[in-house]
Amino acid sequence: MATKLEIWEDALQRVLSFIDRRLEEKYGRLYPLHPARPATGTTSNPQYDGLFRVTAVFSAGIGSRLGKGYLFRVEIVTLSRVRPEVRAAVEEEAADMLRKGLKEVFPGRDLSVDRDNGVLKIYGDLSLD
């Protein structure tokens, strides 16, 4: 039987996987993949293939103005130079999808996504109830 934490993180992973797939559909052909990176859709987890790696890892929030939460990252896995404005546009689109996805999988929760010390963070009601 899954724990409440596993259920919560599985729901979050579904949102991250959705974001990864949408980014691949829209931007996946902009840059060549890193040579060690498998093609999109060839692994069981989208963070391990294709151009994007979309992740969220828990942080206790030490030194953070927003406190504890999940640090949200969108990595573009290529050896090519990615212009800062492209990187910013991809990250902002991903953050918008994250906000919408969190509302869908955690209805009624007060969850937010904002910048904290230069990174995007999911914070708010992280309770396991």
N, C-alpha and C. Protein backbone atom coordinates (compact mmCIF):
# COMPACT_ATOMS: atom_id res chain seq x y z
N MET A 1 0.85 -1.19 0.00
CA MET A 1 0.00 0.00 0.00
C MET A 1 0.89 1.24 0.00
N ALA A 2 0.57 2.18 -0.87
CA ALA A 2 1.36 3.40 -1.00
C ALA A 2 1.13 4.33 0.18
N THR A 3 2.20 5.00 0.59
CA THR A 3 2.08 6.00 1.65
C THR A 3 1.46 7.27 1.09
N LYS A 4 1.03 8.15 1.98
CA LYS A 4 0.47 9.43 1.55
C LYS A 4 1.51 10.24 0.78
N LEU A 5 2.77 10.17 1.21
CA LEU A 5 3.83 10.89 0.51
C LEU A 5 4.01 10.34 -0.90
N GLU A 6 3.98 9.02 -1.04
CA GLU A 6 4.13 8.42 -2.37
C GLU A 6 2.97 8.81 -3.28
N ILE A 7 1.78 8.85 -2.74
CA ILE A 7 0.61 9.26 -3.52
C ILE A 7 0.75 10.71 -3.96
N TRP A 8 1.18 11.58 -3.04
CA TRP A 8 1.37 13.01 -3.35
C TRP A 8 2.42 13.17 -4.44
N GLU A 9 3.56 12.50 -4.29
CA GLU A 9 4.65 12.66 -5.26
C GLU A 9 4.31 12.00 -6.59
N ASP A 10 3.52 10.94 -6.59
CA ASP A 10 3.07 10.34 -7.86
C ASP A 10 2.19 11.33 -8.63
N ALA A 11 1.31 12.03 -7.92
CA ALA A 11 0.45 13.03 -8.56
C ALA A 11 1.31 14.16 -9.14
N LEU A 12 2.29 14.61 -8.37
CA LEU A 12 3.19 15.64 -8.86
C LEU A 12 3.95 15.14 -10.09
N GLN A 13 4.41 13.91 -10.06
CA GLN A 13 5.15 13.35 -11.20
C GLN A 13 4.28 13.30 -12.46
N ARG A 14 3.00 13.04 -12.31
CA ARG A 14 2.10 13.05 -13.48
C ARG A 14 2.07 14.43 -14.13
N VAL A 15 2.05 15.47 -13.30
CA VAL A 15 2.08 16.84 -13.83
C VAL A 15 3.41 17.11 -14.53
N LEU A 16 4.52 16.70 -13.92
CA LEU A 16 5.83 16.93 -14.52
C LEU A 16 5.96 16.19 -15.85
N SER A 17 5.45 14.96 -15.91
CA SER A 17 5.51 14.18 -17.15
C SER A 17 4.68 14.84 -18.25
N PHE A 18 3.51 15.36 -17.88
CA PHE A 18 2.67 16.08 -18.84
C PHE A 18 3.42 17.28 -19.40
N ILE A 19 4.04 18.06 -18.52
CA ILE A 19 4.79 19.24 -18.95
C ILE A 19 5.92 18.83 -19.89
N ASP A 20 6.65 17.79 -19.53
CA ASP A 20 7.75 17.30 -20.36
C ASP A 20 7.24 16.95 -21.77
N ARG A 21 6.14 16.21 -21.85
CA ARG A 21 5.59 15.82 -23.16
C ARG A 21 5.19 17.03 -23.99
N ARG A 22 4.54 18.01 -23.36
CA ARG A 22 4.13 19.21 -24.10
C ARG A 22 5.33 20.01 -24.59
N LEU A 23 6.36 20.15 -23.76
CA LEU A 23 7.56 20.85 -24.18
C LEU A 23 8.24 20.12 -25.34
N GLU A 24 8.27 18.80 -25.28
CA GLU A 24 8.87 18.01 -26.37
C GLU A 24 8.10 18.24 -27.67
N GLU A 25 6.76 18.25 -27.58
CA GLU A 25 5.95 18.46 -28.78
C GLU A 25 6.22 19.82 -29.41
N LYS A 26 6.38 20.84 -28.59
CA LYS A 26 6.53 22.20 -29.11
C LYS A 26 7.97 22.56 -29.46
N TYR A 27 8.93 22.16 -28.62
CA TYR A 27 10.31 22.62 -28.78
C TYR A 27 11.32 21.50 -29.04
N GLY A 28 10.86 20.26 -29.04
CA GLY A 28 11.77 19.13 -29.07
C GLY A 28 12.71 19.04 -30.25
N ARG A 29 12.42 19.75 -31.33
CA ARG A 29 13.28 19.70 -32.51
C ARG A 29 14.15 20.95 -32.67
N LEU A 30 14.11 21.85 -31.70
CA LEU A 30 14.89 23.09 -31.80
C LEU A 30 16.40 22.85 -31.72
N TYR A 31 16.81 21.88 -30.93
CA TYR A 31 18.23 21.64 -30.68
C TYR A 31 18.50 20.15 -30.77
N PRO A 32 19.73 19.79 -31.15
CA PRO A 32 20.08 18.36 -31.15
C PRO A 32 20.20 17.86 -29.71
N LEU A 33 19.82 16.60 -29.53
CA LEU A 33 19.95 15.99 -28.20
C LEU A 33 21.42 15.84 -27.82
N HIS A 34 21.66 15.82 -26.53
CA HIS A 34 22.98 15.44 -26.03
C HIS A 34 23.27 14.04 -26.60
N PRO A 35 24.51 13.77 -27.02
CA PRO A 35 24.81 12.46 -27.63
C PRO A 35 24.48 11.25 -26.75
N ALA A 36 24.47 11.41 -25.45
CA ALA A 36 24.19 10.29 -24.55
C ALA A 36 22.70 10.20 -24.20
N ARG A 37 21.89 11.04 -24.81
CA ARG A 37 20.48 11.12 -24.45
C ARG A 37 19.62 10.35 -25.44
N PRO A 38 18.77 9.41 -24.97
CA PRO A 38 17.88 8.68 -25.87
C PRO A 38 16.81 9.59 -26.46
N ALA A 39 16.26 9.16 -27.58
CA ALA A 39 15.20 9.92 -28.25
C ALA A 39 13.93 9.98 -27.39
N THR A 40 13.13 10.98 -27.64
CA THR A 40 11.87 11.17 -26.91
C THR A 40 11.01 9.91 -26.98
N GLY A 41 10.48 9.52 -25.82
CA GLY A 41 9.55 8.41 -25.75
C GLY A 41 10.17 7.03 -25.72
N THR A 42 11.49 6.95 -25.59
CA THR A 42 12.13 5.63 -25.63
C THR A 42 12.45 5.06 -24.25
N THR A 43 12.18 5.80 -23.19
CA THR A 43 12.37 5.28 -21.84
C THR A 43 11.02 5.30 -21.12
N SER A 44 10.98 4.68 -19.95
CA SER A 44 9.72 4.62 -19.21
C SER A 44 9.40 5.92 -18.48
N ASN A 45 10.37 6.83 -18.38
CA ASN A 45 10.17 8.11 -17.70
C ASN A 45 10.67 9.22 -18.60
N PRO A 46 9.81 10.20 -18.95
CA PRO A 46 10.22 11.24 -19.89
C PRO A 46 11.38 12.11 -19.41
N GLN A 47 11.71 12.10 -18.14
CA GLN A 47 12.85 12.91 -17.72
C GLN A 47 14.18 12.30 -18.15
N TYR A 48 14.14 11.04 -18.63
CA TYR A 48 15.36 10.36 -19.03
C TYR A 48 15.57 10.32 -20.53
N ASP A 49 14.66 10.91 -21.31
CA ASP A 49 14.84 10.92 -22.76
C ASP A 49 14.41 12.27 -23.33
N GLY A 50 14.71 12.48 -24.58
CA GLY A 50 14.31 13.70 -25.26
C GLY A 50 15.13 14.91 -24.84
N LEU A 51 14.69 16.07 -25.29
CA LEU A 51 15.43 17.31 -25.08
C LEU A 51 15.27 17.88 -23.67
N PHE A 52 14.18 17.52 -22.99
CA PHE A 52 13.90 18.15 -21.70
C PHE A 52 13.98 17.17 -20.54
N ARG A 53 14.43 17.70 -19.40
CA ARG A 53 14.37 16.99 -18.13
C ARG A 53 13.63 17.91 -17.17
N VAL A 54 12.40 17.52 -16.82
CA VAL A 54 11.54 18.33 -15.95
C VAL A 54 11.48 17.62 -14.60
N THR A 55 11.95 18.31 -13.55
CA THR A 55 12.02 17.68 -12.23
C THR A 55 11.54 18.64 -11.14
N ALA A 56 11.22 18.04 -10.01
CA ALA A 56 10.91 18.80 -8.79
C ALA A 56 11.47 18.00 -7.63
N VAL A 57 12.28 18.65 -6.80
CA VAL A 57 12.87 17.99 -5.63
C VAL A 57 12.53 18.80 -4.39
N PHE A 58 12.25 18.09 -3.31
CA PHE A 58 11.86 18.75 -2.07
C PHE A 58 13.04 19.49 -1.45
N SER A 59 12.75 20.67 -0.91
CA SER A 59 13.74 21.47 -0.18
C SER A 59 13.12 21.88 1.15
N ALA A 60 13.89 21.76 2.21
CA ALA A 60 13.41 22.15 3.54
C ALA A 60 13.26 23.66 3.66
N GLY A 61 13.83 24.41 2.72
CA GLY A 61 13.63 25.85 2.69
C GLY A 61 14.57 26.66 3.55
N ILE A 62 15.66 26.07 3.98
CA ILE A 62 16.65 26.81 4.78
C ILE A 62 17.25 27.91 3.91
N GLY A 63 17.17 29.14 4.38
CA GLY A 63 17.67 30.28 3.63
C GLY A 63 16.71 30.79 2.57
N SER A 64 15.51 30.29 2.56
CA SER A 64 14.52 30.64 1.56
C SER A 64 13.51 31.63 2.12
N ARG A 65 13.10 32.57 1.30
CA ARG A 65 12.05 33.50 1.74
C ARG A 65 10.67 32.86 1.66
N LEU A 66 10.53 31.77 0.88
CA LEU A 66 9.24 31.10 0.72
C LEU A 66 9.09 29.86 1.59
N GLY A 67 10.16 29.44 2.24
CA GLY A 67 10.09 28.26 3.10
C GLY A 67 10.21 26.97 2.32
N LYS A 68 9.72 25.90 2.93
CA LYS A 68 9.83 24.58 2.32
C LYS A 68 9.00 24.50 1.05
N GLY A 69 9.42 23.57 0.19
CA GLY A 69 8.70 23.39 -1.05
C GLY A 69 9.49 22.50 -2.00
N TYR A 70 9.03 22.44 -3.23
CA TYR A 70 9.69 21.65 -4.27
C TYR A 70 10.35 22.59 -5.27
N LEU A 71 11.64 22.41 -5.48
CA LEU A 71 12.37 23.19 -6.47
C LEU A 71 12.05 22.61 -7.84
N PHE A 72 11.56 23.43 -8.74
CA PHE A 72 11.11 23.01 -10.06
C PHE A 72 12.15 23.42 -11.09
N ARG A 73 12.59 22.44 -11.87
CA ARG A 73 13.62 22.71 -12.88
C ARG A 73 13.22 22.16 -14.22
N VAL A 74 13.54 22.93 -15.24
CA VAL A 74 13.40 22.49 -16.62
C VAL A 74 14.77 22.61 -17.25
N GLU A 75 15.38 21.47 -17.53
CA GLU A 75 16.70 21.46 -18.16
C GLU A 75 16.55 21.15 -19.63
N ILE A 76 17.32 21.84 -20.45
CA ILE A 76 17.37 21.57 -21.88
C ILE A 76 18.67 20.79 -22.10
N VAL A 77 18.53 19.51 -22.45
CA VAL A 77 19.66 18.59 -22.47
C VAL A 77 20.25 18.53 -23.88
N THR A 78 21.17 19.45 -24.13
CA THR A 78 21.85 19.55 -25.41
C THR A 78 23.25 20.11 -25.17
N LEU A 79 24.13 19.88 -26.11
CA LEU A 79 25.46 20.50 -26.04
C LEU A 79 25.47 21.84 -26.77
N SER A 80 24.40 22.13 -27.50
CA SER A 80 24.30 23.40 -28.22
C SER A 80 24.04 24.55 -27.26
N ARG A 81 24.43 25.73 -27.67
CA ARG A 81 24.15 26.92 -26.87
C ARG A 81 22.67 27.27 -27.01
N VAL A 82 22.01 27.45 -25.89
CA VAL A 82 20.60 27.84 -25.87
C VAL A 82 20.55 29.31 -25.46
N ARG A 83 19.96 30.13 -26.32
CA ARG A 83 19.88 31.56 -26.02
C ARG A 83 19.08 31.78 -24.73
N PRO A 84 19.50 32.72 -23.90
CA PRO A 84 18.81 32.97 -22.64
C PRO A 84 17.32 33.26 -22.81
N GLU A 85 16.95 33.96 -23.88
CA GLU A 85 15.53 34.28 -24.07
C GLU A 85 14.71 33.03 -24.41
N VAL A 86 15.31 32.05 -25.09
CA VAL A 86 14.63 30.79 -25.36
C VAL A 86 14.46 30.01 -24.06
N ARG A 87 15.53 29.94 -23.28
CA ARG A 87 15.48 29.24 -22.00
C ARG A 87 14.41 29.86 -21.09
N ALA A 88 14.36 31.20 -21.05
CA ALA A 88 13.38 31.88 -20.21
C ALA A 88 11.95 31.62 -20.69
N ALA A 89 11.74 31.63 -22.01
CA ALA A 89 10.40 31.37 -22.55
C ALA A 89 9.94 29.96 -22.23
N VAL A 90 10.83 28.98 -22.39
CA VAL A 90 10.49 27.58 -22.09
C VAL A 90 10.15 27.44 -20.62
N GLU A 91 10.98 28.04 -19.76
CA GLU A 91 10.75 27.93 -18.31
C GLU A 91 9.44 28.59 -17.90
N GLU A 92 9.12 29.73 -18.48
CA GLU A 92 7.88 30.41 -18.11
C GLU A 92 6.66 29.62 -18.60
N GLU A 93 6.74 29.06 -19.79
CA GLU A 93 5.64 28.23 -20.29
C GLU A 93 5.46 27.01 -19.40
N ALA A 94 6.57 26.40 -19.00
CA ALA A 94 6.50 25.24 -18.10
C ALA A 94 5.90 25.63 -16.76
N ALA A 95 6.28 26.78 -16.23
CA ALA A 95 5.74 27.24 -14.94
C ALA A 95 4.23 27.47 -15.04
N ASP A 96 3.77 28.01 -16.17
CA ASP A 96 2.33 28.21 -16.36
C ASP A 96 1.59 26.87 -16.39
N MET A 97 2.18 25.89 -17.11
CA MET A 97 1.57 24.56 -17.14
C MET A 97 1.58 23.92 -15.76
N LEU A 98 2.64 24.16 -14.99
CA LEU A 98 2.73 23.62 -13.64
C LEU A 98 1.63 24.19 -12.75
N ARG A 99 1.44 25.49 -12.80
CA ARG A 99 0.39 26.12 -11.99
C ARG A 99 -0.98 25.51 -12.30
N LYS A 100 -1.27 25.36 -13.58
CA LYS A 100 -2.55 24.79 -13.99
C LYS A 100 -2.65 23.32 -13.58
N GLY A 101 -1.58 22.57 -13.78
CA GLY A 101 -1.59 21.15 -13.43
C GLY A 101 -1.74 20.91 -11.94
N LEU A 102 -1.10 21.75 -11.11
CA LEU A 102 -1.24 21.61 -9.66
C LEU A 102 -2.68 21.81 -9.22
N LYS A 103 -3.37 22.76 -9.85
CA LYS A 103 -4.78 22.99 -9.52
C LYS A 103 -5.64 21.79 -9.87
N GLU A 104 -5.27 21.09 -10.95
CA GLU A 104 -6.05 19.94 -11.38
C GLU A 104 -5.82 18.72 -10.49
N VAL A 105 -4.56 18.44 -10.12
CA VAL A 105 -4.29 17.22 -9.36
C VAL A 105 -4.40 17.42 -7.85
N PHE A 106 -4.34 18.68 -7.40
CA PHE A 106 -4.50 18.99 -5.98
C PHE A 106 -5.58 20.06 -5.82
N PRO A 107 -6.82 19.74 -6.20
CA PRO A 107 -7.88 20.75 -6.12
C PRO A 107 -8.11 21.21 -4.68
N GLY A 108 -8.35 22.51 -4.54
CA GLY A 108 -8.63 23.06 -3.22
C GLY A 108 -7.40 23.35 -2.38
N ARG A 109 -6.23 22.96 -2.86
CA ARG A 109 -4.99 23.24 -2.12
C ARG A 109 -4.49 24.63 -2.47
N ASP A 110 -3.91 25.29 -1.50
CA ASP A 110 -3.29 26.59 -1.72
C ASP A 110 -1.82 26.37 -2.07
N LEU A 111 -1.57 26.08 -3.36
CA LEU A 111 -0.21 25.87 -3.85
C LEU A 111 0.15 26.98 -4.83
N SER A 112 1.38 27.45 -4.75
CA SER A 112 1.85 28.52 -5.62
C SER A 112 3.16 28.12 -6.26
N VAL A 113 3.50 28.81 -7.35
CA VAL A 113 4.78 28.62 -8.02
C VAL A 113 5.36 30.01 -8.25
N ASP A 114 6.50 30.27 -7.62
CA ASP A 114 7.18 31.57 -7.75
C ASP A 114 8.67 31.36 -7.71
N ARG A 115 9.39 32.41 -8.06
CA ARG A 115 10.86 32.38 -7.97
C ARG A 115 11.29 32.57 -6.53
N ASP A 116 12.29 31.79 -6.14
CA ASP A 116 12.87 31.87 -4.81
C ASP A 116 14.37 31.67 -4.96
N ASN A 117 15.14 32.68 -4.67
CA ASN A 117 16.60 32.62 -4.82
C ASN A 117 17.00 32.15 -6.22
N GLY A 118 16.31 32.65 -7.24
CA GLY A 118 16.68 32.37 -8.63
C GLY A 118 16.10 31.10 -9.23
N VAL A 119 15.40 30.28 -8.44
CA VAL A 119 14.80 29.06 -8.98
C VAL A 119 13.30 29.09 -8.74
N LEU A 120 12.57 28.34 -9.54
CA LEU A 120 11.13 28.23 -9.35
C LEU A 120 10.84 27.25 -8.23
N LYS A 121 9.87 27.59 -7.40
CA LYS A 121 9.53 26.74 -6.27
C LYS A 121 8.03 26.57 -6.16
N ILE A 122 7.63 25.32 -5.87
CA ILE A 122 6.24 24.99 -5.54
C ILE A 122 6.17 25.07 -4.01
N TYR A 123 5.27 25.88 -3.50
CA TYR A 123 5.17 26.03 -2.05
C TYR A 123 3.71 26.28 -1.67
N GLY A 124 3.47 26.21 -0.39
CA GLY A 124 2.11 26.41 0.13
C GLY A 124 1.68 25.19 0.92
N ASP A 125 0.45 24.77 0.71
CA ASP A 125 -0.13 23.64 1.46
C ASP A 125 0.42 22.32 0.92
N LEU A 126 1.51 21.87 1.53
CA LEU A 126 2.15 20.61 1.15
C LEU A 126 1.72 19.47 2.06
N SER A 127 0.66 19.67 2.82
CA SER A 127 0.22 18.65 3.75
C SER A 127 -0.16 17.37 3.00
N LEU A 128 -0.09 16.27 3.70
CA LEU A 128 -0.37 14.98 3.10
C LEU A 128 -1.79 14.50 3.35
N ASP A 129 -2.64 15.36 3.84
CA ASP A 129 -4.04 15.02 4.12
C ASP A 129 -4.86 14.96 2.86
